Structure formats: C-alpha cells, structure tokens
Amino acid sequence: MVKGMNEVIASILDAEKKADEIVKLSVEKSKAVKQAADFDGEKIKNGTVAVFKLHRASAIKEAEKQASLEYDEILSEGKASAEKILSDSADKTDYFADKIVKSITG
C-alpha cells in the first residue's frame, strides 16, 4: 500500500511540476505577445501620424493653390471693372471737354 501511495504522491508532484512549467511558459509567451503587440501598435501609430502629416501637407498645398486661383480671379474681375470705369469715364471726359471747348470758342 505504501508503494501505491508513493506512486500517487510522485504522480501528484510530477503533475504540479508540469503545471508550474506550463504556467511559466504561458507567462513568458504572454510577455512576448504583449511586447510584439506594443511594438506593432507603436509602428501603426507612427505610420498613421506620418500619413496624417502627408495628408495635412497636401491639403494645405491644395488650399493655397485654390486661394491663389480665387485671388487671381478676383484680381482679374477688379482689373476688368477698373478698365471699364476708365473707358466709360474717357468717353464722358471727351464729351464734356468738347462741350467746354465749344462754349469757350463759340
């Protein structure tokens, strides 16, 4: 009976030893998985930040380009308006200058 009991105790001790090994390996593996996840997460974050910076720079360039186009359009419209005013006033100036000259010279 003692021999059978010793075998049971040895079997229990062996099972506990194996369980401790499994726990130890699981802890080591979970640490490695966590480190890999942290590393991958950092890579993803850095990649996202880089992509965001590129998109931001592109959006700024596009906004500047659009603003320049709108500025040129407004400037062109203003120039055309000024030229029309100048042209209209030149016709009126000639008309009134002729009237003044005729009134002086008879």
C-alpha atoms as a PDB file:
ATOM      1  CA  MET A   1       0.000   0.000   0.000  1.00  0.00           C
ATOM      2  CA  VAL A   2       2.856   2.397   0.789  1.00  0.00           C
ATOM      3  CA  LYS A   3       4.296   1.754  -2.637  1.00  0.00           C
ATOM      4  CA  GLY A   4       0.994   2.679  -4.295  1.00  0.00           C
ATOM      5  CA  MET A   5       0.737   5.775  -2.146  1.00  0.00           C
ATOM      6  CA  ASN A   6       4.272   6.825  -3.032  1.00  0.00           C
ATOM      7  CA  GLU A   7       3.400   6.446  -6.723  1.00  0.00           C
ATOM      8  CA  VAL A   8       0.310   8.629  -6.265  1.00  0.00           C
ATOM      9  CA  ILE A   9       2.357  11.268  -4.397  1.00  0.00           C
ATOM     10  CA  ALA A  10       5.070  11.126  -7.081  1.00  0.00           C
ATOM     11  CA  SER A  11       2.410  11.445  -9.767  1.00  0.00           C
ATOM     12  CA  ILE A  12       0.875  14.468  -7.992  1.00  0.00           C
ATOM     13  CA  LEU A  13       4.300  16.093  -7.551  1.00  0.00           C
ATOM     14  CA  ASP A  14       5.100  15.431 -11.227  1.00  0.00           C
ATOM     15  CA  ALA A  15       1.751  16.969 -12.264  1.00  0.00           C
ATOM     16  CA  GLU A  16       2.410  20.035 -10.097  1.00  0.00           C
ATOM     17  CA  LYS A  17       5.874  20.395 -11.627  1.00  0.00           C
ATOM     18  CA  LYS A  18       4.396  20.165 -15.140  1.00  0.00           C
ATOM     19  CA  ALA A  19       1.692  22.694 -14.194  1.00  0.00           C
ATOM     20  CA  ASP A  20       4.371  25.092 -12.905  1.00  0.00           C
ATOM     21  CA  GLU A  21       6.283  24.677 -16.203  1.00  0.00           C
ATOM     22  CA  ILE A  22       3.103  25.337 -18.203  1.00  0.00           C
ATOM     23  CA  VAL A  23       2.358  28.471 -16.146  1.00  0.00           C
ATOM     24  CA  LYS A  24       5.957  29.673 -16.543  1.00  0.00           C
ATOM     25  CA  LEU A  25       5.877  29.128 -20.325  1.00  0.00           C
ATOM     26  CA  SER A  26       2.481  30.812 -20.557  1.00  0.00           C
ATOM     27  CA  VAL A  27       3.741  33.866 -18.667  1.00  0.00           C
ATOM     28  CA  GLU A  28       6.809  34.090 -20.917  1.00  0.00           C
ATOM     29  CA  LYS A  29       4.693  33.686 -24.038  1.00  0.00           C
ATOM     30  CA  SER A  30       2.183  36.319 -22.865  1.00  0.00           C
ATOM     31  CA  LYS A  31       5.062  38.745 -22.229  1.00  0.00           C
ATOM     32  CA  ALA A  32       6.393  38.128 -25.740  1.00  0.00           C
ATOM     33  CA  VAL A  33       2.920  38.583 -27.251  1.00  0.00           C
ATOM     34  CA  LYS A  34       2.439  41.820 -25.287  1.00  0.00           C
ATOM     35  CA  GLN A  35       5.841  43.141 -26.405  1.00  0.00           C
ATOM     36  CA  ALA A  36       5.043  42.306 -30.037  1.00  0.00           C
ATOM     37  CA  ALA A  37       1.633  43.958 -29.728  1.00  0.00           C
ATOM     38  CA  ASP A  38       3.196  47.063 -28.164  1.00  0.00           C
ATOM     39  CA  PHE A  39       5.789  47.202 -30.940  1.00  0.00           C
ATOM     40  CA  ASP A  40       3.163  46.714 -33.659  1.00  0.00           C
ATOM     41  CA  GLY A  41       0.915  49.301 -32.030  1.00  0.00           C
ATOM     42  CA  GLU A  42       3.751  51.824 -31.977  1.00  0.00           C
ATOM     43  CA  LYS A  43       4.534  51.110 -35.650  1.00  0.00           C
ATOM     44  CA  ILE A  44       0.878  51.594 -36.579  1.00  0.00           C
ATOM     45  CA  LYS A  45       0.681  54.820 -34.564  1.00  0.00           C
ATOM     46  CA  ASN A  46       3.849  56.203 -36.161  1.00  0.00           C
ATOM     47  CA  GLY A  47       2.641  55.206 -39.612  1.00  0.00           C
ATOM     48  CA  THR A  48      -0.702  56.864 -39.017  1.00  0.00           C
ATOM     49  CA  VAL A  49       0.971  60.053 -37.816  1.00  0.00           C
ATOM     50  CA  ALA A  50       3.213  60.089 -40.902  1.00  0.00           C
ATOM     51  CA  VAL A  51       0.249  59.547 -43.235  1.00  0.00           C
ATOM     52  CA  PHE A  52      -1.696  62.288 -41.436  1.00  0.00           C
ATOM     53  CA  LYS A  53       1.233  64.697 -41.857  1.00  0.00           C
ATOM     54  CA  LEU A  54       1.387  63.921 -45.582  1.00  0.00           C
ATOM     55  CA  HIS A  55      -2.356  64.423 -45.987  1.00  0.00           C
ATOM     56  CA  ARG A  56      -2.183  67.641 -43.978  1.00  0.00           C
ATOM     57  CA  ALA A  57       0.655  68.998 -46.110  1.00  0.00           C
ATOM     58  CA  SER A  58      -1.215  68.019 -49.263  1.00  0.00           C
ATOM     59  CA  ALA A  59      -4.410  69.667 -48.016  1.00  0.00           C
ATOM     60  CA  ILE A  60      -2.512  72.859 -47.173  1.00  0.00           C
ATOM     61  CA  LYS A  61      -0.927  72.950 -50.641  1.00  0.00           C
ATOM     62  CA  GLU A  62      -4.311  72.389 -52.271  1.00  0.00           C
ATOM     63  CA  ALA A  63      -5.885  75.140 -50.144  1.00  0.00           C
ATOM     64  CA  GLU A  64      -3.071  77.530 -51.063  1.00  0.00           C
ATOM     65  CA  LYS A  65      -3.494  76.660 -54.746  1.00  0.00           C
ATOM     66  CA  GLN A  66      -7.267  77.214 -54.553  1.00  0.00           C
ATOM     67  CA  ALA A  67      -6.786  80.503 -52.676  1.00  0.00           C
ATOM     68  CA  SER A  68      -4.322  81.663 -55.333  1.00  0.00           C
ATOM     69  CA  LEU A  69      -6.796  80.814 -58.092  1.00  0.00           C
ATOM     70  CA  GLU A  70      -9.578  82.691 -56.314  1.00  0.00           C
ATOM     71  CA  TYR A  71      -7.252  85.648 -55.703  1.00  0.00           C
ATOM     72  CA  ASP A  72      -6.312  85.739 -59.397  1.00  0.00           C
ATOM     73  CA  GLU A  73      -9.994  85.570 -60.364  1.00  0.00           C
ATOM     74  CA  ILE A  74     -10.924  88.418 -58.010  1.00  0.00           C
ATOM     75  CA  LEU A  75      -7.950  90.455 -59.230  1.00  0.00           C
ATOM     76  CA  SER A  76      -8.943  89.845 -62.860  1.00  0.00           C
ATOM     77  CA  GLU A  77     -12.539  90.881 -62.167  1.00  0.00           C
ATOM     78  CA  GLY A  78     -11.322  94.023 -60.377  1.00  0.00           C
ATOM     79  CA  LYS A  79      -8.980  94.877 -63.240  1.00  0.00           C
ATOM     80  CA  ALA A  80     -11.781  94.419 -65.806  1.00  0.00           C
ATOM     81  CA  SER A  81     -14.082  96.596 -63.712  1.00  0.00           C
ATOM     82  CA  ALA A  82     -11.417  99.297 -63.374  1.00  0.00           C
ATOM     83  CA  GLU A  83     -10.743  99.217 -67.117  1.00  0.00           C
ATOM     84  CA  LYS A  84     -14.488  99.577 -67.824  1.00  0.00           C
ATOM     85  CA  ILE A  85     -14.749 102.533 -65.453  1.00  0.00           C
ATOM     86  CA  LEU A  86     -11.706 104.117 -67.092  1.00  0.00           C
ATOM     87  CA  SER A  87     -13.142 103.521 -70.574  1.00  0.00           C
ATOM     88  CA  ASP A  88     -16.557 104.866 -69.586  1.00  0.00           C
ATOM     89  CA  SER A  89     -15.042 107.932 -67.981  1.00  0.00           C
ATOM     90  CA  ALA A  90     -12.785 108.566 -71.002  1.00  0.00           C
ATOM     91  CA  ASP A  91     -15.845 108.761 -73.264  1.00  0.00           C
ATOM     92  CA  LYS A  92     -17.526 111.176 -70.848  1.00  0.00           C
ATOM     93  CA  THR A  93     -14.367 113.209 -70.442  1.00  0.00           C
ATOM     94  CA  ASP A  94     -14.101 113.661 -74.216  1.00  0.00           C
ATOM     95  CA  TYR A  95     -17.773 114.661 -74.413  1.00  0.00           C
ATOM     96  CA  PHE A  96     -17.510 117.238 -71.629  1.00  0.00           C
ATOM     97  CA  ALA A  97     -14.145 118.515 -72.879  1.00  0.00           C
ATOM     98  CA  ASP A  98     -15.716 119.142 -76.300  1.00  0.00           C
ATOM     99  CA  LYS A  99     -18.644 120.981 -74.670  1.00  0.00           C
ATOM    100  CA  ILE A 100     -16.270 123.174 -72.643  1.00  0.00           C
ATOM    101  CA  VAL A 101     -14.126 123.930 -75.687  1.00  0.00           C
ATOM    102  CA  LYS A 102     -17.229 124.805 -77.762  1.00  0.00           C
ATOM    103  CA  SER A 103     -18.616 127.006 -75.013  1.00  0.00           C
ATOM    104  CA  ILE A 104     -15.309 128.900 -74.786  1.00  0.00           C
ATOM    105  CA  THR A 105     -14.640 129.120 -78.533  1.00  0.00           C
ATOM    106  CA  GLY A 106     -18.170 129.626 -79.520  1.00  0.00           C
END
